[in-house]
Amino acid sequence: MLQQIQLIRKRLKKLNKTSKVLMKAGLWCLLALTSASAILAVYNMLAPAEFSNLPLLIQSLFTYGFLVWAELTVGAVILDIVFQ
């Protein structure tokens, strides 16, 4: 298990600068959209009758956060492989 983690860290260090920037941007998008959905979920618990479509918005933010993260991560890896 430790050898696999070290192998992953070694390969991540070899990535191009552009790929690293894309991966970091994806992580920040994931954190931002997940945080926004968590804040809206708490708001929905405190005042549930104000906006009827809020649960759908919370679910969409959470889902799209992971989709953007996955797309940017896979795109960064593909760019690194193509331009290596």
N, C-alpha and C. Protein backbone atom coordinates (compact mmCIF):
# COMPACT_ATOMS: atom_id res chain seq x y z
N MET A 1 0.82 -1.19 0.00
CA MET A 1 0.00 0.00 0.00
C MET A 1 0.87 1.26 0.00
N LEU A 2 1.90 1.25 0.83
CA LEU A 2 2.79 2.39 0.92
C LEU A 2 3.56 2.59 -0.39
N GLN A 3 3.93 1.50 -1.04
CA GLN A 3 4.64 1.59 -2.31
C GLN A 3 3.74 2.20 -3.39
N GLN A 4 2.46 1.86 -3.36
CA GLN A 4 1.53 2.42 -4.34
C GLN A 4 1.36 3.92 -4.13
N ILE A 5 1.27 4.34 -2.90
CA ILE A 5 1.14 5.77 -2.60
C ILE A 5 2.39 6.52 -3.03
N GLN A 6 3.55 5.94 -2.79
CA GLN A 6 4.79 6.56 -3.22
C GLN A 6 4.88 6.64 -4.74
N LEU A 7 4.39 5.63 -5.43
CA LEU A 7 4.38 5.63 -6.89
C LEU A 7 3.45 6.74 -7.42
N ILE A 8 2.29 6.90 -6.80
CA ILE A 8 1.37 7.97 -7.20
C ILE A 8 2.01 9.33 -6.98
N ARG A 9 2.62 9.55 -5.82
CA ARG A 9 3.28 10.83 -5.54
C ARG A 9 4.42 11.10 -6.53
N LYS A 10 5.16 10.05 -6.89
CA LYS A 10 6.26 10.20 -7.84
C LYS A 10 5.74 10.62 -9.21
N ARG A 11 4.65 10.00 -9.65
CA ARG A 11 4.09 10.34 -10.96
C ARG A 11 3.44 11.72 -10.96
N LEU A 12 2.83 12.11 -9.85
CA LEU A 12 2.24 13.44 -9.78
C LEU A 12 3.30 14.54 -9.81
N LYS A 13 4.46 14.26 -9.26
CA LYS A 13 5.54 15.25 -9.29
C LYS A 13 6.09 15.43 -10.70
N LYS A 14 5.94 14.43 -11.55
CA LYS A 14 6.46 14.50 -12.91
C LYS A 14 5.51 15.21 -13.88
N LEU A 15 4.33 15.59 -13.44
CA LEU A 15 3.36 16.24 -14.33
C LEU A 15 3.87 17.60 -14.79
N ASN A 16 3.41 18.01 -15.97
CA ASN A 16 3.72 19.35 -16.48
C ASN A 16 3.07 20.41 -15.60
N LYS A 17 3.57 21.63 -15.72
CA LYS A 17 3.02 22.72 -14.92
C LYS A 17 1.56 22.99 -15.27
N THR A 18 1.22 22.94 -16.56
CA THR A 18 -0.15 23.17 -16.99
C THR A 18 -1.10 22.13 -16.40
N SER A 19 -0.68 20.89 -16.38
CA SER A 19 -1.50 19.83 -15.83
C SER A 19 -1.72 20.02 -14.33
N LYS A 20 -0.66 20.44 -13.64
CA LYS A 20 -0.79 20.68 -12.21
C LYS A 20 -1.76 21.83 -11.93
N VAL A 21 -1.69 22.88 -12.75
CA VAL A 21 -2.60 24.02 -12.58
C VAL A 21 -4.04 23.59 -12.82
N LEU A 22 -4.27 22.77 -13.85
CA LEU A 22 -5.62 22.28 -14.12
C LEU A 22 -6.15 21.42 -12.98
N MET A 23 -5.30 20.59 -12.42
CA MET A 23 -5.73 19.74 -11.31
C MET A 23 -6.05 20.58 -10.08
N LYS A 24 -5.25 21.60 -9.82
CA LYS A 24 -5.53 22.47 -8.68
C LYS A 24 -6.81 23.27 -8.91
N ALA A 25 -7.04 23.72 -10.13
CA ALA A 25 -8.27 24.45 -10.43
C ALA A 25 -9.49 23.55 -10.24
N GLY A 26 -9.37 22.30 -10.65
CA GLY A 26 -10.46 21.35 -10.44
C GLY A 26 -10.74 21.11 -8.98
N LEU A 27 -9.69 21.02 -8.19
CA LEU A 27 -9.87 20.83 -6.75
C LEU A 27 -10.53 22.04 -6.11
N TRP A 28 -10.13 23.24 -6.53
CA TRP A 28 -10.75 24.46 -5.99
C TRP A 28 -12.21 24.57 -6.39
N CYS A 29 -12.53 24.17 -7.62
CA CYS A 29 -13.94 24.16 -8.05
C CYS A 29 -14.74 23.17 -7.21
N LEU A 30 -14.16 22.01 -6.98
CA LEU A 30 -14.83 21.01 -6.14
C LEU A 30 -15.10 21.56 -4.75
N LEU A 31 -14.09 22.16 -4.15
CA LEU A 31 -14.27 22.71 -2.80
C LEU A 31 -15.28 23.85 -2.78
N ALA A 32 -15.24 24.73 -3.77
CA ALA A 32 -16.15 25.87 -3.80
C ALA A 32 -17.60 25.43 -3.98
N LEU A 33 -17.84 24.56 -4.94
CA LEU A 33 -19.22 24.14 -5.21
C LEU A 33 -19.76 23.24 -4.10
N THR A 34 -18.92 22.40 -3.51
CA THR A 34 -19.37 21.57 -2.39
C THR A 34 -19.65 22.43 -1.17
N SER A 35 -18.82 23.43 -0.92
CA SER A 35 -19.05 24.33 0.20
C SER A 35 -20.34 25.13 0.00
N ALA A 36 -20.56 25.59 -1.23
CA ALA A 36 -21.79 26.33 -1.51
C ALA A 36 -23.01 25.46 -1.30
N SER A 37 -22.94 24.20 -1.71
CA SER A 37 -24.08 23.31 -1.50
C SER A 37 -24.29 23.01 -0.03
N ALA A 38 -23.21 22.92 0.75
CA ALA A 38 -23.35 22.69 2.19
C ALA A 38 -23.98 23.90 2.88
N ILE A 39 -23.56 25.09 2.49
CA ILE A 39 -24.13 26.30 3.07
C ILE A 39 -25.61 26.41 2.72
N LEU A 40 -25.95 26.12 1.48
CA LEU A 40 -27.36 26.16 1.08
C LEU A 40 -28.18 25.07 1.77
N ALA A 41 -27.57 23.93 2.03
CA ALA A 41 -28.29 22.87 2.75
C ALA A 41 -28.62 23.29 4.18
N VAL A 42 -27.68 23.96 4.82
CA VAL A 42 -27.95 24.46 6.18
C VAL A 42 -29.02 25.54 6.13
N TYR A 43 -28.93 26.42 5.15
CA TYR A 43 -29.94 27.46 4.99
C TYR A 43 -31.32 26.86 4.73
N ASN A 44 -31.37 25.79 3.95
CA ASN A 44 -32.63 25.12 3.66
C ASN A 44 -33.22 24.47 4.92
N MET A 45 -32.36 23.99 5.81
CA MET A 45 -32.85 23.41 7.06
C MET A 45 -33.43 24.48 7.99
N LEU A 46 -32.84 25.67 7.94
CA LEU A 46 -33.29 26.73 8.83
C LEU A 46 -34.53 27.44 8.30
N ALA A 47 -34.65 27.61 6.99
CA ALA A 47 -35.80 28.30 6.39
C ALA A 47 -36.26 27.51 5.16
N PRO A 48 -36.95 26.38 5.36
CA PRO A 48 -37.26 25.50 4.23
C PRO A 48 -38.36 26.00 3.30
N ALA A 49 -39.17 26.97 3.70
CA ALA A 49 -40.33 27.36 2.88
C ALA A 49 -40.06 28.53 1.94
N GLU A 50 -38.88 29.11 1.96
CA GLU A 50 -38.65 30.31 1.17
C GLU A 50 -38.42 30.05 -0.31
N PHE A 51 -37.73 28.99 -0.65
CA PHE A 51 -37.42 28.72 -2.05
C PHE A 51 -37.63 27.23 -2.30
N SER A 52 -38.64 26.88 -3.08
CA SER A 52 -39.04 25.49 -3.20
C SER A 52 -38.06 24.63 -4.01
N ASN A 53 -37.28 25.23 -4.89
CA ASN A 53 -36.34 24.47 -5.71
C ASN A 53 -34.95 24.39 -5.11
N LEU A 54 -34.80 24.77 -3.87
CA LEU A 54 -33.47 24.77 -3.24
C LEU A 54 -32.86 23.38 -3.13
N PRO A 55 -33.61 22.33 -2.78
CA PRO A 55 -32.98 20.99 -2.76
C PRO A 55 -32.41 20.56 -4.12
N LEU A 56 -33.08 20.91 -5.19
CA LEU A 56 -32.56 20.59 -6.52
C LEU A 56 -31.28 21.37 -6.81
N LEU A 57 -31.25 22.63 -6.39
CA LEU A 57 -30.05 23.45 -6.56
C LEU A 57 -28.88 22.89 -5.76
N ILE A 58 -29.15 22.45 -4.54
CA ILE A 58 -28.10 21.87 -3.69
C ILE A 58 -27.54 20.61 -4.34
N GLN A 59 -28.43 19.76 -4.81
CA GLN A 59 -28.00 18.52 -5.45
C GLN A 59 -27.20 18.81 -6.72
N SER A 60 -27.65 19.78 -7.49
CA SER A 60 -26.96 20.12 -8.74
C SER A 60 -25.57 20.68 -8.47
N LEU A 61 -25.45 21.57 -7.49
CA LEU A 61 -24.13 22.13 -7.16
C LEU A 61 -23.16 21.03 -6.73
N PHE A 62 -23.65 20.12 -5.90
CA PHE A 62 -22.81 19.03 -5.41
C PHE A 62 -22.38 18.13 -6.56
N THR A 63 -23.32 17.77 -7.43
CA THR A 63 -23.02 16.90 -8.55
C THR A 63 -22.07 17.56 -9.55
N TYR A 64 -22.36 18.81 -9.90
CA TYR A 64 -21.51 19.50 -10.87
C TYR A 64 -20.12 19.80 -10.32
N GLY A 65 -19.99 19.96 -9.02
CA GLY A 65 -18.67 20.12 -8.42
C GLY A 65 -17.80 18.91 -8.69
N PHE A 66 -18.37 17.72 -8.50
CA PHE A 66 -17.60 16.50 -8.77
C PHE A 66 -17.37 16.30 -10.25
N LEU A 67 -18.33 16.66 -11.08
CA LEU A 67 -18.14 16.52 -12.52
C LEU A 67 -17.02 17.41 -13.04
N VAL A 68 -17.00 18.66 -12.59
CA VAL A 68 -15.94 19.59 -13.02
C VAL A 68 -14.58 19.09 -12.55
N TRP A 69 -14.52 18.63 -11.30
CA TRP A 69 -13.27 18.11 -10.76
C TRP A 69 -12.78 16.91 -11.58
N ALA A 70 -13.68 15.99 -11.88
CA ALA A 70 -13.29 14.79 -12.64
C ALA A 70 -12.85 15.15 -14.05
N GLU A 71 -13.59 16.05 -14.70
CA GLU A 71 -13.23 16.44 -16.05
C GLU A 71 -11.88 17.14 -16.11
N LEU A 72 -11.62 18.04 -15.17
CA LEU A 72 -10.34 18.74 -15.18
C LEU A 72 -9.19 17.81 -14.82
N THR A 73 -9.42 16.88 -13.92
CA THR A 73 -8.36 15.94 -13.54
C THR A 73 -8.03 15.01 -14.70
N VAL A 74 -9.04 14.44 -15.32
CA VAL A 74 -8.80 13.55 -16.46
C VAL A 74 -8.21 14.33 -17.62
N GLY A 75 -8.70 15.53 -17.85
CA GLY A 75 -8.14 16.37 -18.92
C GLY A 75 -6.68 16.70 -18.68
N ALA A 76 -6.33 16.98 -17.43
CA ALA A 76 -4.93 17.28 -17.11
C ALA A 76 -4.03 16.08 -17.36
N VAL A 77 -4.50 14.90 -17.00
CA VAL A 77 -3.71 13.69 -17.22
C VAL A 77 -3.55 13.42 -18.72
N ILE A 78 -4.64 13.61 -19.47
CA ILE A 78 -4.56 13.40 -20.93
C ILE A 78 -3.62 14.41 -21.57
N LEU A 79 -3.71 15.68 -21.16
CA LEU A 79 -2.79 16.68 -21.70
C LEU A 79 -1.34 16.35 -21.38
N ASP A 80 -1.11 15.85 -20.19
CA ASP A 80 0.26 15.49 -19.81
C ASP A 80 0.77 14.34 -20.66
N ILE A 81 -0.09 13.37 -20.92
CA ILE A 81 0.32 12.22 -21.74
C ILE A 81 0.56 12.65 -23.19
N VAL A 82 -0.29 13.50 -23.72
CA VAL A 82 -0.16 13.92 -25.11
C VAL A 82 1.07 14.78 -25.32
N PHE A 83 1.34 15.70 -24.42
CA PHE A 83 2.45 16.64 -24.61
C PHE A 83 3.74 16.22 -23.94
N GLN A 84 3.85 14.98 -23.55
CA GLN A 84 5.06 14.54 -22.88
C GLN A 84 6.14 14.17 -23.86
